[in-house]
Amino acid sequence: MPRERLRAAGVVVVQRGPPRRYLLLRSARTRRPTWEFPKGAVEPGESEREAAERELREETGLAPPQCRFWADFRARERYCFRYRRPDGWIEVDKEVVYFLAEDLGGAVVLSPESTAYCWATADEAYRLLRFAEKRRVLRAAEVFLDRLDRATMAARATPV
């Protein structure tokens, strides 16, 4: 069976709260309802970050300055799937690099690729995300934000 490799980039968008809420999109491309983070293919000549920002803008209407990206967050998701083309089946190895961005109050405008969106707490998002790899990406974002919150609190508590 022929194989192909796909590179993609996506964005975990968070409202810092409390409570934190994560933007999830329900895909219009799948038979079963599938919630996921905004993502898409990296185009030739495009960096992963550029692709992530473009996909976020195309799928949700959000873009800087409506959101702020953290430069030091990356999470990777790898998975395989197969699909049927007119000339037979093909197997795809896909890698998605996710960035983390804070929503600063922009309005979500869905593309035809999605049928709905929601702002889910971490617990809700863990239940809605069907695939373990996506839940691992969410966990990485939670760990990153927990560390960031602790560092911010420590800086505020330091006597002057």
C-alpha atoms as a PDB file:
ATOM      1  CA  MET A   1       0.000   0.000   0.000  1.00  0.00           C
ATOM      2  CA  PRO A   2       1.454   3.413  -0.930  1.00  0.00           C
ATOM      3  CA  ARG A   3       2.404   5.755   1.933  1.00  0.00           C
ATOM      4  CA  GLU A   4       2.520   9.486   2.159  1.00  0.00           C
ATOM      5  CA  ARG A   5       3.735  11.891   4.841  1.00  0.00           C
ATOM      6  CA  LEU A   6       1.787  14.988   5.835  1.00  0.00           C
ATOM      7  CA  ARG A   7       3.008  17.920   7.910  1.00  0.00           C
ATOM      8  CA  ALA A   8       0.420  20.060   9.617  1.00  0.00           C
ATOM      9  CA  ALA A   9       0.265  22.799  12.223  1.00  0.00           C
ATOM     10  CA  GLY A  10      -2.421  23.783  14.668  1.00  0.00           C
ATOM     11  CA  VAL A  11      -3.268  26.026  17.578  1.00  0.00           C
ATOM     12  CA  VAL A  12      -4.559  25.301  21.056  1.00  0.00           C
ATOM     13  CA  VAL A  13      -6.499  28.485  21.867  1.00  0.00           C
ATOM     14  CA  VAL A  14      -7.190  29.210  25.534  1.00  0.00           C
ATOM     15  CA  GLN A  15      -9.227  31.729  27.475  1.00  0.00           C
ATOM     16  CA  ARG A  16      -7.268  32.010  30.725  1.00  0.00           C
ATOM     17  CA  GLY A  17     -10.334  32.357  32.973  1.00  0.00           C
ATOM     18  CA  PRO A  18     -10.675  31.167  35.630  1.00  0.00           C
ATOM     19  CA  PRO A  19     -11.646  28.614  34.631  1.00  0.00           C
ATOM     20  CA  ARG A  20      -9.505  28.074  31.572  1.00  0.00           C
ATOM     21  CA  ARG A  21     -11.509  27.296  28.459  1.00  0.00           C
ATOM     22  CA  TYR A  22     -10.185  25.771  25.240  1.00  0.00           C
ATOM     23  CA  LEU A  23     -11.516  26.355  21.743  1.00  0.00           C
ATOM     24  CA  LEU A  24     -12.678  23.153  20.049  1.00  0.00           C
ATOM     25  CA  LEU A  25     -14.110  22.810  16.550  1.00  0.00           C
ATOM     26  CA  ARG A  26     -16.463  20.040  15.432  1.00  0.00           C
ATOM     27  CA  SER A  27     -15.238  18.781  12.087  1.00  0.00           C
ATOM     28  CA  ALA A  28     -17.594  18.733   9.107  1.00  0.00           C
ATOM     29  CA  ARG A  29     -15.276  16.257   7.360  1.00  0.00           C
ATOM     30  CA  THR A  30     -15.841  13.213   9.560  1.00  0.00           C
ATOM     31  CA  ARG A  31     -18.796  10.832   9.655  1.00  0.00           C
ATOM     32  CA  ARG A  32     -18.784  10.704  13.457  1.00  0.00           C
ATOM     33  CA  PRO A  33     -18.778  13.992  15.377  1.00  0.00           C
ATOM     34  CA  THR A  34     -15.122  14.772  16.038  1.00  0.00           C
ATOM     35  CA  TRP A  35     -13.971  17.705  18.146  1.00  0.00           C
ATOM     36  CA  GLU A  36     -10.466  19.012  17.546  1.00  0.00           C
ATOM     37  CA  PHE A  37      -8.177  22.013  17.676  1.00  0.00           C
ATOM     38  CA  PRO A  38      -7.845  24.274  14.611  1.00  0.00           C
ATOM     39  CA  LYS A  39      -5.185  22.779  12.326  1.00  0.00           C
ATOM     40  CA  GLY A  40      -4.217  22.180   8.722  1.00  0.00           C
ATOM     41  CA  ALA A  41      -1.465  21.349   6.264  1.00  0.00           C
ATOM     42  CA  VAL A  42       1.806  23.258   6.113  1.00  0.00           C
ATOM     43  CA  GLU A  43       2.030  24.665   2.596  1.00  0.00           C
ATOM     44  CA  PRO A  44       5.295  24.739   0.592  1.00  0.00           C
ATOM     45  CA  GLY A  45       7.549  27.605   1.710  1.00  0.00           C
ATOM     46  CA  GLU A  46       5.549  28.152   4.901  1.00  0.00           C
ATOM     47  CA  SER A  47       6.898  27.727   8.434  1.00  0.00           C
ATOM     48  CA  GLU A  48       4.928  25.696  10.961  1.00  0.00           C
ATOM     49  CA  ARG A  49       4.067  28.876  12.884  1.00  0.00           C
ATOM     50  CA  GLU A  50       2.895  30.639   9.704  1.00  0.00           C
ATOM     51  CA  ALA A  51       0.739  27.626   8.834  1.00  0.00           C
ATOM     52  CA  ALA A  52      -0.744  27.535  12.341  1.00  0.00           C
ATOM     53  CA  GLU A  53      -1.632  31.239  12.224  1.00  0.00           C
ATOM     54  CA  ARG A  54      -3.112  30.903   8.711  1.00  0.00           C
ATOM     55  CA  GLU A  55      -5.200  27.865   9.663  1.00  0.00           C
ATOM     56  CA  LEU A  56      -6.460  29.602  12.812  1.00  0.00           C
ATOM     57  CA  ARG A  57      -7.494  32.638  10.758  1.00  0.00           C
ATOM     58  CA  GLU A  58      -9.129  30.531   8.010  1.00  0.00           C
ATOM     59  CA  GLU A  59     -11.001  28.195  10.369  1.00  0.00           C
ATOM     60  CA  THR A  60     -12.022  30.624  13.138  1.00  0.00           C
ATOM     61  CA  GLY A  61     -11.423  34.201  11.991  1.00  0.00           C
ATOM     62  CA  LEU A  62      -9.009  34.674  14.930  1.00  0.00           C
ATOM     63  CA  ALA A  63      -5.578  36.186  14.353  1.00  0.00           C
ATOM     64  CA  PRO A  64      -3.144  38.443  16.192  1.00  0.00           C
ATOM     65  CA  PRO A  65      -3.883  40.919  17.810  1.00  0.00           C
ATOM     66  CA  GLN A  66      -7.091  39.047  18.791  1.00  0.00           C
ATOM     67  CA  CYS A  67      -4.853  36.353  20.232  1.00  0.00           C
ATOM     68  CA  ARG A  68      -1.334  36.162  21.624  1.00  0.00           C
ATOM     69  CA  PHE A  69       0.990  33.214  20.915  1.00  0.00           C
ATOM     70  CA  TRP A  70       3.469  31.853  23.453  1.00  0.00           C
ATOM     71  CA  ALA A  71       6.766  31.428  21.623  1.00  0.00           C
ATOM     72  CA  ASP A  72       8.078  28.672  23.906  1.00  0.00           C
ATOM     73  CA  PHE A  73       5.217  26.152  23.591  1.00  0.00           C
ATOM     74  CA  ARG A  74       5.224  23.281  21.091  1.00  0.00           C
ATOM     75  CA  ALA A  75       3.388  19.973  21.287  1.00  0.00           C
ATOM     76  CA  ARG A  76       3.484  17.252  18.640  1.00  0.00           C
ATOM     77  CA  GLU A  77       0.831  14.785  17.599  1.00  0.00           C
ATOM     78  CA  ARG A  78       1.673  11.827  15.357  1.00  0.00           C
ATOM     79  CA  TYR A  79      -0.769   9.343  13.912  1.00  0.00           C
ATOM     80  CA  CYS A  80      -1.470   7.155  10.875  1.00  0.00           C
ATOM     81  CA  PHE A  81      -4.643   6.685   8.901  1.00  0.00           C
ATOM     82  CA  ARG A  82      -5.690   5.347   5.540  1.00  0.00           C
ATOM     83  CA  TYR A  83      -8.183   6.425   2.979  1.00  0.00           C
ATOM     84  CA  ARG A  84      -9.425   5.252  -0.376  1.00  0.00           C
ATOM     85  CA  ARG A  85      -8.588   7.060  -3.592  1.00  0.00           C
ATOM     86  CA  PRO A  86      -9.937   6.098  -7.023  1.00  0.00           C
ATOM     87  CA  ASP A  87      -6.720   4.142  -7.679  1.00  0.00           C
ATOM     88  CA  GLY A  88      -6.753   2.304  -4.315  1.00  0.00           C
ATOM     89  CA  TRP A  89      -5.939   2.723  -0.651  1.00  0.00           C
ATOM     90  CA  ILE A  90      -3.202   4.996   0.652  1.00  0.00           C
ATOM     91  CA  GLU A  91      -1.675   5.081   4.127  1.00  0.00           C
ATOM     92  CA  VAL A  92      -0.782   8.460   5.613  1.00  0.00           C
ATOM     93  CA  ASP A  93       1.726   9.252   8.371  1.00  0.00           C
ATOM     94  CA  LYS A  94       0.733  12.631   9.789  1.00  0.00           C
ATOM     95  CA  GLU A  95       2.588  14.900  12.199  1.00  0.00           C
ATOM     96  CA  VAL A  96       0.925  18.001  13.637  1.00  0.00           C
ATOM     97  CA  VAL A  97       2.860  20.663  15.556  1.00  0.00           C
ATOM     98  CA  TYR A  98       0.647  22.655  17.909  1.00  0.00           C
ATOM     99  CA  PHE A  99       1.229  26.158  19.200  1.00  0.00           C
ATOM    100  CA  LEU A 100      -0.541  27.754  22.160  1.00  0.00           C
ATOM    101  CA  ALA A 101      -2.363  31.078  21.936  1.00  0.00           C
ATOM    102  CA  GLU A 102      -4.430  33.100  24.373  1.00  0.00           C
ATOM    103  CA  ASP A 103      -7.751  34.458  23.130  1.00  0.00           C
ATOM    104  CA  LEU A 104      -7.911  38.204  23.772  1.00  0.00           C
ATOM    105  CA  GLY A 105     -11.593  38.621  22.974  1.00  0.00           C
ATOM    106  CA  GLY A 106     -11.964  37.939  19.269  1.00  0.00           C
ATOM    107  CA  ALA A 107     -15.210  36.650  17.779  1.00  0.00           C
ATOM    108  CA  VAL A 108     -15.096  33.136  16.315  1.00  0.00           C
ATOM    109  CA  VAL A 109     -16.338  32.911  12.714  1.00  0.00           C
ATOM    110  CA  LEU A 110     -16.443  29.307  11.509  1.00  0.00           C
ATOM    111  CA  SER A 111     -15.358  28.134   8.077  1.00  0.00           C
ATOM    112  CA  PRO A 112     -17.330  25.415   6.237  1.00  0.00           C
ATOM    113  CA  GLU A 113     -14.758  22.891   7.568  1.00  0.00           C
ATOM    114  CA  SER A 114     -16.515  22.976  10.962  1.00  0.00           C
ATOM    115  CA  THR A 115     -20.135  22.595  11.997  1.00  0.00           C
ATOM    116  CA  ALA A 116     -19.809  24.067  15.504  1.00  0.00           C
ATOM    117  CA  TYR A 117     -17.387  25.378  18.083  1.00  0.00           C
ATOM    118  CA  CYS A 118     -17.298  25.453  21.861  1.00  0.00           C
ATOM    119  CA  TRP A 119     -15.187  26.877  24.662  1.00  0.00           C
ATOM    120  CA  ALA A 120     -14.625  23.844  26.894  1.00  0.00           C
ATOM    121  CA  THR A 121     -13.015  23.565  30.306  1.00  0.00           C
ATOM    122  CA  ALA A 122     -10.095  21.128  30.441  1.00  0.00           C
ATOM    123  CA  ASP A 123     -12.344  18.412  31.907  1.00  0.00           C
ATOM    124  CA  GLU A 124     -14.963  18.963  29.195  1.00  0.00           C
ATOM    125  CA  ALA A 125     -12.287  19.013  26.487  1.00  0.00           C
ATOM    126  CA  TYR A 126     -10.776  15.719  27.709  1.00  0.00           C
ATOM    127  CA  ARG A 127     -14.229  14.145  27.291  1.00  0.00           C
ATOM    128  CA  LEU A 128     -14.887  15.722  23.879  1.00  0.00           C
ATOM    129  CA  LEU A 129     -11.493  14.970  22.296  1.00  0.00           C
ATOM    130  CA  ARG A 130     -11.908  11.494  20.820  1.00  0.00           C
ATOM    131  CA  PHE A 131      -8.258  10.627  20.249  1.00  0.00           C
ATOM    132  CA  ALA A 132      -5.587  10.098  22.922  1.00  0.00           C
ATOM    133  CA  GLU A 133      -2.962  12.070  20.953  1.00  0.00           C
ATOM    134  CA  LYS A 134      -5.154  15.190  21.061  1.00  0.00           C
ATOM    135  CA  ARG A 135      -5.734  14.705  24.793  1.00  0.00           C
ATOM    136  CA  ARG A 136      -1.931  14.566  25.248  1.00  0.00           C
ATOM    137  CA  VAL A 137      -1.639  17.911  23.438  1.00  0.00           C
ATOM    138  CA  LEU A 138      -4.262  19.371  25.783  1.00  0.00           C
ATOM    139  CA  ARG A 139      -2.366  17.975  28.787  1.00  0.00           C
ATOM    140  CA  ALA A 140       0.861  19.604  27.551  1.00  0.00           C
ATOM    141  CA  ALA A 141      -0.959  22.950  27.306  1.00  0.00           C
ATOM    142  CA  GLU A 142      -2.353  22.520  30.832  1.00  0.00           C
ATOM    143  CA  VAL A 143       1.115  21.748  32.248  1.00  0.00           C
ATOM    144  CA  PHE A 144       2.619  24.752  30.443  1.00  0.00           C
ATOM    145  CA  LEU A 145      -0.113  27.112  31.704  1.00  0.00           C
ATOM    146  CA  ASP A 146       0.112  25.739  35.269  1.00  0.00           C
ATOM    147  CA  ARG A 147       3.853  26.524  35.297  1.00  0.00           C
ATOM    148  CA  LEU A 148       3.217  29.957  33.846  1.00  0.00           C
ATOM    149  CA  ASP A 149       0.556  30.691  36.482  1.00  0.00           C
ATOM    150  CA  ARG A 150       2.862  29.525  39.317  1.00  0.00           C
ATOM    151  CA  ALA A 151       5.707  31.701  38.021  1.00  0.00           C
ATOM    152  CA  THR A 152       3.382  34.702  37.775  1.00  0.00           C
ATOM    153  CA  MET A 153       2.091  34.156  41.319  1.00  0.00           C
ATOM    154  CA  ALA A 154       5.639  33.766  42.665  1.00  0.00           C
ATOM    155  CA  ALA A 155       6.723  37.006  40.984  1.00  0.00           C
ATOM    156  CA  ARG A 156       3.765  38.851  42.506  1.00  0.00           C
ATOM    157  CA  ALA A 157       4.469  37.407  45.966  1.00  0.00           C
ATOM    158  CA  THR A 158       8.136  38.405  45.995  1.00  0.00           C
ATOM    159  CA  PRO A 159       8.702  41.194  48.545  1.00  0.00           C
ATOM    160  CA  VAL A 160      10.082  44.397  47.125  1.00  0.00           C
END
